[in-house]
Amino acid sequence: MRPSFWRLWGWPLAIGLASGTGLVTALLADGWADAWSWVGLGLPLAVAAWHGWRPAKDSPP
């Protein structure tokens, strides 16, 4: 694969993998997995909030 593939899809794949494993551990495991499920399922929300509240680069102040 070309480097441009990982440059474009690296972070979305990592967030999707974290979200998927967070969902599976939330449904199937208990104990330490509760912490991972919170992190894995909260990561997409945190990234969306970060990008939603960040001002656009090309907008005037």
N, C-alpha and C. Protein backbone atom coordinates (compact mmCIF):
# COMPACT_ATOMS: atom_id res chain seq x y z
N MET A 1 0.83 -1.19 0.00
CA MET A 1 0.00 0.00 0.00
C MET A 1 0.87 1.24 0.00
N ARG A 2 0.35 2.26 -0.60
CA ARG A 2 1.08 3.52 -0.66
C ARG A 2 1.00 4.24 0.68
N PRO A 3 1.99 5.07 0.97
CA PRO A 3 1.97 5.83 2.23
C PRO A 3 0.77 6.76 2.35
N SER A 4 0.22 7.21 1.22
CA SER A 4 -0.92 8.12 1.29
C SER A 4 -2.15 7.42 1.87
N PHE A 5 -2.24 6.09 1.71
CA PHE A 5 -3.36 5.35 2.29
C PHE A 5 -3.35 5.47 3.81
N TRP A 6 -2.20 5.22 4.42
CA TRP A 6 -2.11 5.29 5.89
C TRP A 6 -2.21 6.72 6.38
N ARG A 7 -1.75 7.65 5.58
CA ARG A 7 -1.86 9.06 5.98
C ARG A 7 -3.33 9.50 6.02
N LEU A 8 -4.11 8.98 5.09
CA LEU A 8 -5.52 9.34 5.03
C LEU A 8 -6.37 8.53 6.00
N TRP A 9 -6.15 7.23 6.09
CA TRP A 9 -7.03 6.34 6.83
C TRP A 9 -6.47 5.84 8.15
N GLY A 10 -5.27 6.25 8.54
CA GLY A 10 -4.66 5.74 9.77
C GLY A 10 -5.46 6.05 11.02
N TRP A 11 -5.77 7.33 11.24
CA TRP A 11 -6.52 7.72 12.44
C TRP A 11 -7.96 7.20 12.43
N PRO A 12 -8.69 7.29 11.33
CA PRO A 12 -10.04 6.71 11.35
C PRO A 12 -10.05 5.22 11.65
N LEU A 13 -9.09 4.48 11.12
CA LEU A 13 -9.02 3.05 11.42
C LEU A 13 -8.68 2.80 12.89
N ALA A 14 -7.77 3.59 13.46
CA ALA A 14 -7.42 3.43 14.87
C ALA A 14 -8.61 3.75 15.77
N ILE A 15 -9.35 4.80 15.45
CA ILE A 15 -10.52 5.16 16.24
C ILE A 15 -11.60 4.08 16.10
N GLY A 16 -11.78 3.57 14.90
CA GLY A 16 -12.75 2.50 14.69
C GLY A 16 -12.37 1.22 15.42
N LEU A 17 -11.10 0.89 15.44
CA LEU A 17 -10.64 -0.29 16.16
C LEU A 17 -10.84 -0.12 17.66
N ALA A 18 -10.51 1.06 18.19
CA ALA A 18 -10.73 1.32 19.62
C ALA A 18 -12.21 1.27 19.96
N SER A 19 -13.04 1.82 19.11
CA SER A 19 -14.48 1.81 19.34
C SER A 19 -15.04 0.39 19.28
N GLY A 20 -14.60 -0.37 18.32
CA GLY A 20 -15.06 -1.76 18.20
C GLY A 20 -14.65 -2.63 19.37
N THR A 21 -13.40 -2.52 19.77
CA THR A 21 -12.95 -3.32 20.92
C THR A 21 -13.61 -2.83 22.21
N GLY A 22 -13.87 -1.54 22.31
CA GLY A 22 -14.59 -1.02 23.47
C GLY A 22 -16.00 -1.57 23.55
N LEU A 23 -16.67 -1.67 22.41
CA LEU A 23 -18.01 -2.21 22.39
C LEU A 23 -18.02 -3.69 22.76
N VAL A 24 -17.10 -4.45 22.19
CA VAL A 24 -17.05 -5.88 22.48
C VAL A 24 -16.74 -6.13 23.95
N THR A 25 -15.77 -5.40 24.51
CA THR A 25 -15.45 -5.60 25.92
C THR A 25 -16.58 -5.13 26.82
N ALA A 26 -17.33 -4.11 26.43
CA ALA A 26 -18.47 -3.66 27.23
C ALA A 26 -19.56 -4.73 27.27
N LEU A 27 -19.70 -5.44 26.17
CA LEU A 27 -20.76 -6.45 26.10
C LEU A 27 -20.36 -7.78 26.71
N LEU A 28 -19.08 -8.14 26.65
CA LEU A 28 -18.68 -9.50 27.02
C LEU A 28 -17.86 -9.61 28.30
N ALA A 29 -17.19 -8.58 28.72
CA ALA A 29 -16.25 -8.72 29.83
C ALA A 29 -16.69 -7.86 31.02
N ASP A 30 -15.99 -8.07 32.13
CA ASP A 30 -16.27 -7.32 33.34
C ASP A 30 -14.96 -7.06 34.06
N GLY A 31 -14.96 -6.14 35.00
CA GLY A 31 -13.75 -5.83 35.75
C GLY A 31 -12.91 -4.80 35.04
N TRP A 32 -11.66 -5.15 34.72
CA TRP A 32 -10.74 -4.22 34.06
C TRP A 32 -11.27 -3.78 32.71
N ALA A 33 -12.08 -4.62 32.08
CA ALA A 33 -12.60 -4.31 30.75
C ALA A 33 -13.59 -3.15 30.80
N ASP A 34 -14.19 -2.89 31.97
CA ASP A 34 -15.09 -1.75 32.07
C ASP A 34 -14.34 -0.45 31.79
N ALA A 35 -13.12 -0.35 32.29
CA ALA A 35 -12.32 0.86 32.04
C ALA A 35 -12.00 0.99 30.56
N TRP A 36 -11.61 -0.12 29.92
CA TRP A 36 -11.30 -0.05 28.49
C TRP A 36 -12.54 0.28 27.67
N SER A 37 -13.69 -0.25 28.06
CA SER A 37 -14.90 0.05 27.30
C SER A 37 -15.24 1.54 27.40
N TRP A 38 -15.03 2.16 28.54
CA TRP A 38 -15.25 3.60 28.67
C TRP A 38 -14.30 4.37 27.77
N VAL A 39 -13.04 3.97 27.75
CA VAL A 39 -12.06 4.66 26.91
C VAL A 39 -12.36 4.43 25.43
N GLY A 40 -12.59 3.18 25.07
CA GLY A 40 -12.82 2.84 23.67
C GLY A 40 -14.08 3.47 23.10
N LEU A 41 -15.14 3.52 23.90
CA LEU A 41 -16.38 4.11 23.42
C LEU A 41 -16.41 5.63 23.58
N GLY A 42 -15.60 6.16 24.47
CA GLY A 42 -15.55 7.60 24.65
C GLY A 42 -14.61 8.31 23.69
N LEU A 43 -13.68 7.57 23.11
CA LEU A 43 -12.71 8.17 22.20
C LEU A 43 -13.36 8.84 20.98
N PRO A 44 -14.28 8.19 20.28
CA PRO A 44 -14.91 8.89 19.14
C PRO A 44 -15.67 10.15 19.57
N LEU A 45 -16.30 10.10 20.73
CA LEU A 45 -17.00 11.27 21.22
C LEU A 45 -16.03 12.40 21.54
N ALA A 46 -14.91 12.07 22.15
CA ALA A 46 -13.90 13.08 22.48
C ALA A 46 -13.31 13.70 21.22
N VAL A 47 -13.03 12.89 20.22
CA VAL A 47 -12.48 13.41 18.96
C VAL A 47 -13.50 14.30 18.26
N ALA A 48 -14.76 13.88 18.25
CA ALA A 48 -15.80 14.69 17.61
C ALA A 48 -15.98 16.02 18.34
N ALA A 49 -15.95 15.98 19.67
CA ALA A 49 -16.08 17.22 20.44
C ALA A 49 -14.90 18.14 20.19
N TRP A 50 -13.71 17.57 20.14
CA TRP A 50 -12.51 18.37 19.89
C TRP A 50 -12.60 19.10 18.55
N HIS A 51 -13.00 18.38 17.52
CA HIS A 51 -13.08 18.99 16.19
C HIS A 51 -14.32 19.87 16.04
N GLY A 52 -15.36 19.62 16.81
CA GLY A 52 -16.55 20.44 16.72
C GLY A 52 -16.39 21.79 17.39
N TRP A 53 -15.66 21.83 18.50
CA TRP A 53 -15.50 23.08 19.23
C TRP A 53 -14.27 23.87 18.81
N ARG A 54 -13.41 23.27 18.05
CA ARG A 54 -12.21 23.97 17.58
C ARG A 54 -12.60 24.94 16.47
N PRO A 55 -12.13 26.19 16.54
CA PRO A 55 -12.49 27.14 15.48
C PRO A 55 -11.85 26.74 14.15
N ALA A 56 -12.53 27.06 13.08
CA ALA A 56 -12.00 26.76 11.75
C ALA A 56 -10.76 27.61 11.49
N LYS A 57 -9.82 27.07 10.73
CA LYS A 57 -8.57 27.77 10.47
C LYS A 57 -8.76 28.96 9.54
N ASP A 58 -9.73 28.90 8.64
CA ASP A 58 -9.88 29.97 7.67
C ASP A 58 -10.93 31.02 8.06
N SER A 59 -11.55 30.85 9.23
CA SER A 59 -12.56 31.84 9.63
C SER A 59 -11.89 33.02 10.35
N PRO A 60 -12.39 34.21 10.12
CA PRO A 60 -11.82 35.38 10.81
C PRO A 60 -12.20 35.37 12.28
N PRO A 61 -11.37 35.94 13.14
CA PRO A 61 -11.67 35.94 14.59
C PRO A 61 -12.86 36.80 14.97
